[in-house]
Each structure stands twice: as structure tokens, then as C-alpha cells.
């Protein structure tokens, strides 16, 4: 039975909550480094190592789609942070276009931080 487009789709069992990134694309590492140049003003760790960048999708034309979250919906820079990411990634040579989507599901959690971020923040 086909579902109406306006109805929420149930997640498929076993499917990841966060889709995988395009890690095999030649621009991937440069995009990651661009994301690492963006910091939450309240936390002295870049947003990539904080785990706020969920997915980086790069198509064959070098169009970039970044899915990200914030530490909390009430984050004071919620309206600005996606623009900071867009600006940072747009500066990477070879990027044709960039779209940044802010999502709240799945919610960010401390387990999403890299070991480096945990060490920097004193959680290790």
C-alpha cells in the first residue's frame, strides 16, 4: 500500500538514523576541514569534532549537502550556525553549491563527540 506523501514515514528497521557521508569523494576531507573551522562560541571545540555534522553528501557535480544539528534547540546561534557552515564549505575549491540542513532528529548527544573533543572538554 502506497503511503500519502504528507504522512511521516516510519524508519526502516536496521536503517541508520544518520545516513552515511560520501567519504570516498575527493572533496570529502577538505569539506571536513572546512567544517572543523567552525566553532560554537560557547564551546572551545569545532563543530565537526563535537559531532554536530551528521552527514556530508557530495554528488558527482560537487554539490554538497550537509546535515547538522546543534547541542540543544535553544542554542543562541541556532539561526547563524548553518550559515557559518555554508560559508566555510563554499570556500573549498571545487565546490559547486552547498546546502546546509539543520535537523533535531536524532538529537545530539555527548556520545557523538570525537575522542579529541572529549579530551579537550575534560570528559576523558
C-alpha atoms as a PDB file:
ATOM      1  CA  UNK A   1       0.000   0.000   0.000  1.00  0.00           C
ATOM      2  CA  UNK A   2       1.407   3.362  -1.012  1.00  0.00           C
ATOM      3  CA  UNK A   3       1.666   5.997   1.707  1.00  0.00           C
ATOM      4  CA  UNK A   4       0.430   9.549   1.136  1.00  0.00           C
ATOM      5  CA  UNK A   5       3.345  11.990   0.730  1.00  0.00           C
ATOM      6  CA  UNK A   6       2.239  14.121   3.684  1.00  0.00           C
ATOM      7  CA  UNK A   7       2.346  11.230   6.138  1.00  0.00           C
ATOM      8  CA  UNK A   8       5.532  10.698   8.135  1.00  0.00           C
ATOM      9  CA  UNK A   9       7.448   7.623   7.093  1.00  0.00           C
ATOM     10  CA  UNK A  10       8.367   5.153   9.809  1.00  0.00           C
ATOM     11  CA  UNK A  11      12.097   4.429   9.936  1.00  0.00           C
ATOM     12  CA  UNK A  12      13.040   1.120   8.352  1.00  0.00           C
ATOM     13  CA  UNK A  13      14.279  -1.326  10.977  1.00  0.00           C
ATOM     14  CA  UNK A  14      18.047  -1.630  10.814  1.00  0.00           C
ATOM     15  CA  UNK A  15      18.466   1.574   8.768  1.00  0.00           C
ATOM     16  CA  UNK A  16      20.872   4.115  10.268  1.00  0.00           C
ATOM     17  CA  UNK A  17      19.313   7.186  11.886  1.00  0.00           C
ATOM     18  CA  UNK A  18      22.073   9.238  10.291  1.00  0.00           C
ATOM     19  CA  UNK A  19      22.768   8.446   6.617  1.00  0.00           C
ATOM     20  CA  UNK A  20      26.431   7.780   5.745  1.00  0.00           C
ATOM     21  CA  UNK A  21      28.614  10.516   4.273  1.00  0.00           C
ATOM     22  CA  UNK A  22      30.288  10.481   0.852  1.00  0.00           C
ATOM     23  CA  UNK A  23      33.674   9.603   2.345  1.00  0.00           C
ATOM     24  CA  UNK A  24      35.053   8.288  -0.963  1.00  0.00           C
ATOM     25  CA  UNK A  25      34.645  11.632  -2.804  1.00  0.00           C
ATOM     26  CA  UNK A  26      37.914  13.540  -3.423  1.00  0.00           C
ATOM     27  CA  UNK A  27      36.491  16.700  -1.774  1.00  0.00           C
ATOM     28  CA  UNK A  28      35.356  14.934   1.401  1.00  0.00           C
ATOM     29  CA  UNK A  29      38.434  15.595   3.568  1.00  0.00           C
ATOM     30  CA  UNK A  30      38.524  19.243   2.501  1.00  0.00           C
ATOM     31  CA  UNK A  31      34.842  19.635   3.412  1.00  0.00           C
ATOM     32  CA  UNK A  32      35.527  18.059   6.818  1.00  0.00           C
ATOM     33  CA  UNK A  33      38.406  20.504   7.392  1.00  0.00           C
ATOM     34  CA  UNK A  34      36.134  23.405   6.413  1.00  0.00           C
ATOM     35  CA  UNK A  35      33.572  22.192   8.968  1.00  0.00           C
ATOM     36  CA  UNK A  36      36.351  21.957  11.559  1.00  0.00           C
ATOM     37  CA  UNK A  37      36.967  25.690  11.079  1.00  0.00           C
ATOM     38  CA  UNK A  38      33.525  26.451  12.574  1.00  0.00           C
ATOM     39  CA  UNK A  39      33.175  26.697  16.352  1.00  0.00           C
ATOM     40  CA  UNK A  40      30.238  27.038  18.675  1.00  0.00           C
ATOM     41  CA  UNK A  41      31.096  30.283  20.518  1.00  0.00           C
ATOM     42  CA  UNK A  42      30.217  28.679  23.866  1.00  0.00           C
ATOM     43  CA  UNK A  43      32.325  25.523  23.435  1.00  0.00           C
ATOM     44  CA  UNK A  44      36.068  25.569  22.614  1.00  0.00           C
ATOM     45  CA  UNK A  45      35.817  22.616  20.192  1.00  0.00           C
ATOM     46  CA  UNK A  46      34.978  22.686  16.485  1.00  0.00           C
ATOM     47  CA  UNK A  47      31.519  21.545  15.440  1.00  0.00           C
ATOM     48  CA  UNK A  48      32.797  18.548  13.454  1.00  0.00           C
ATOM     49  CA  UNK A  49      34.571  17.001  16.450  1.00  0.00           C
ATOM     50  CA  UNK A  50      31.578  17.883  18.635  1.00  0.00           C
ATOM     51  CA  UNK A  51      29.555  15.561  16.393  1.00  0.00           C
ATOM     52  CA  UNK A  52      27.223  18.292  15.158  1.00  0.00           C
ATOM     53  CA  UNK A  53      27.885  17.465  11.492  1.00  0.00           C
ATOM     54  CA  UNK A  54      25.773  14.390  10.874  1.00  0.00           C
ATOM     55  CA  UNK A  55      26.193  13.808   7.131  1.00  0.00           C
ATOM     56  CA  UNK A  56      28.171  15.248   4.230  1.00  0.00           C
ATOM     57  CA  UNK A  57      26.797  14.144   0.861  1.00  0.00           C
ATOM     58  CA  UNK A  58      28.748  15.091  -2.273  1.00  0.00           C
ATOM     59  CA  UNK A  59      27.336  14.303  -5.705  1.00  0.00           C
ATOM     60  CA  UNK A  60      29.245  13.873  -8.982  1.00  0.00           C
ATOM     61  CA  UNK A  61      28.831  17.597  -9.784  1.00  0.00           C
ATOM     62  CA  UNK A  62      30.389  18.595  -6.414  1.00  0.00           C
ATOM     63  CA  UNK A  63      27.104  19.818  -4.985  1.00  0.00           C
ATOM     64  CA  UNK A  64      27.350  19.458  -1.211  1.00  0.00           C
ATOM     65  CA  UNK A  65      24.527  18.684   1.215  1.00  0.00           C
ATOM     66  CA  UNK A  66      25.405  18.937   4.902  1.00  0.00           C
ATOM     67  CA  UNK A  67      23.024  17.708   7.574  1.00  0.00           C
ATOM     68  CA  UNK A  68      23.814  19.045  11.020  1.00  0.00           C
ATOM     69  CA  UNK A  69      22.368  19.572  14.452  1.00  0.00           C
ATOM     70  CA  UNK A  70      23.137  21.697  17.479  1.00  0.00           C
ATOM     71  CA  UNK A  71      23.770  20.762  21.088  1.00  0.00           C
ATOM     72  CA  UNK A  72      20.276  21.998  22.007  1.00  0.00           C
ATOM     73  CA  UNK A  73      17.284  23.522  20.191  1.00  0.00           C
ATOM     74  CA  UNK A  74      17.628  26.660  22.318  1.00  0.00           C
ATOM     75  CA  UNK A  75      21.223  27.243  21.212  1.00  0.00           C
ATOM     76  CA  UNK A  76      21.746  31.026  20.915  1.00  0.00           C
ATOM     77  CA  UNK A  77      23.438  30.668  17.495  1.00  0.00           C
ATOM     78  CA  UNK A  78      20.837  28.291  16.006  1.00  0.00           C
ATOM     79  CA  UNK A  79      19.910  30.828  13.335  1.00  0.00           C
ATOM     80  CA  UNK A  80      23.531  31.596  12.434  1.00  0.00           C
ATOM     81  CA  UNK A  81      25.483  28.335  12.648  1.00  0.00           C
ATOM     82  CA  UNK A  82      24.170  26.767   9.387  1.00  0.00           C
ATOM     83  CA  UNK A  83      25.241  29.941   7.567  1.00  0.00           C
ATOM     84  CA  UNK A  84      28.720  29.701   9.098  1.00  0.00           C
ATOM     85  CA  UNK A  85      28.997  26.116   7.846  1.00  0.00           C
ATOM     86  CA  UNK A  86      27.713  27.111   4.410  1.00  0.00           C
ATOM     87  CA  UNK A  87      30.260  29.934   4.182  1.00  0.00           C
ATOM     88  CA  UNK A  88      33.136  27.686   5.295  1.00  0.00           C
ATOM     89  CA  UNK A  89      32.292  24.896   2.842  1.00  0.00           C
ATOM     90  CA  UNK A  90      31.608  27.303  -0.038  1.00  0.00           C
ATOM     91  CA  UNK A  91      35.233  28.426   0.271  1.00  0.00           C
ATOM     92  CA  UNK A  92      36.564  24.966  -0.666  1.00  0.00           C
ATOM     93  CA  UNK A  93      37.918  24.919  -4.235  1.00  0.00           C
ATOM     94  CA  UNK A  94      35.776  22.744  -6.485  1.00  0.00           C
ATOM     95  CA  UNK A  95      32.511  23.060  -4.552  1.00  0.00           C
ATOM     96  CA  UNK A  96      29.707  23.968  -6.952  1.00  0.00           C
ATOM     97  CA  UNK A  97      26.925  24.517  -4.427  1.00  0.00           C
ATOM     98  CA  UNK A  98      26.267  23.939  -0.730  1.00  0.00           C
ATOM     99  CA  UNK A  99      23.047  23.305   1.151  1.00  0.00           C
ATOM    100  CA  UNK A 100      23.043  23.029   4.943  1.00  0.00           C
ATOM    101  CA  UNK A 101      20.063  21.461   6.698  1.00  0.00           C
ATOM    102  CA  UNK A 102      19.574  21.801  10.443  1.00  0.00           C
ATOM    103  CA  UNK A 103      17.830  18.778  11.987  1.00  0.00           C
ATOM    104  CA  UNK A 104      16.806  17.795  15.505  1.00  0.00           C
ATOM    105  CA  UNK A 105      16.379  14.074  14.922  1.00  0.00           C
ATOM    106  CA  UNK A 106      18.240  12.202  16.075  1.00  0.00           C
ATOM    107  CA  UNK A 107      19.017  14.576  18.921  1.00  0.00           C
ATOM    108  CA  UNK A 108      22.678  15.351  19.525  1.00  0.00           C
ATOM    109  CA  UNK A 109      24.288  13.558  22.439  1.00  0.00           C
ATOM    110  CA  UNK A 110      27.711  13.645  24.068  1.00  0.00           C
ATOM    111  CA  UNK A 111      28.448  10.173  22.670  1.00  0.00           C
ATOM    112  CA  UNK A 112      28.643  11.814  19.211  1.00  0.00           C
ATOM    113  CA  UNK A 113      31.810  13.729  20.150  1.00  0.00           C
ATOM    114  CA  UNK A 114      35.196  12.566  18.924  1.00  0.00           C
ATOM    115  CA  UNK A 115      37.755  11.358  21.460  1.00  0.00           C
ATOM    116  CA  UNK A 116      39.687  14.579  20.827  1.00  0.00           C
ATOM    117  CA  UNK A 117      36.646  16.683  21.752  1.00  0.00           C
ATOM    118  CA  UNK A 118      36.014  14.634  24.898  1.00  0.00           C
ATOM    119  CA  UNK A 119      39.634  15.048  25.929  1.00  0.00           C
ATOM    120  CA  UNK A 120      39.569  18.803  25.243  1.00  0.00           C
ATOM    121  CA  UNK A 121      36.412  19.218  27.313  1.00  0.00           C
ATOM    122  CA  UNK A 122      37.705  17.064  30.175  1.00  0.00           C
ATOM    123  CA  UNK A 123      35.361  14.093  29.653  1.00  0.00           C
ATOM    124  CA  UNK A 124      38.250  11.608  29.303  1.00  0.00           C
END
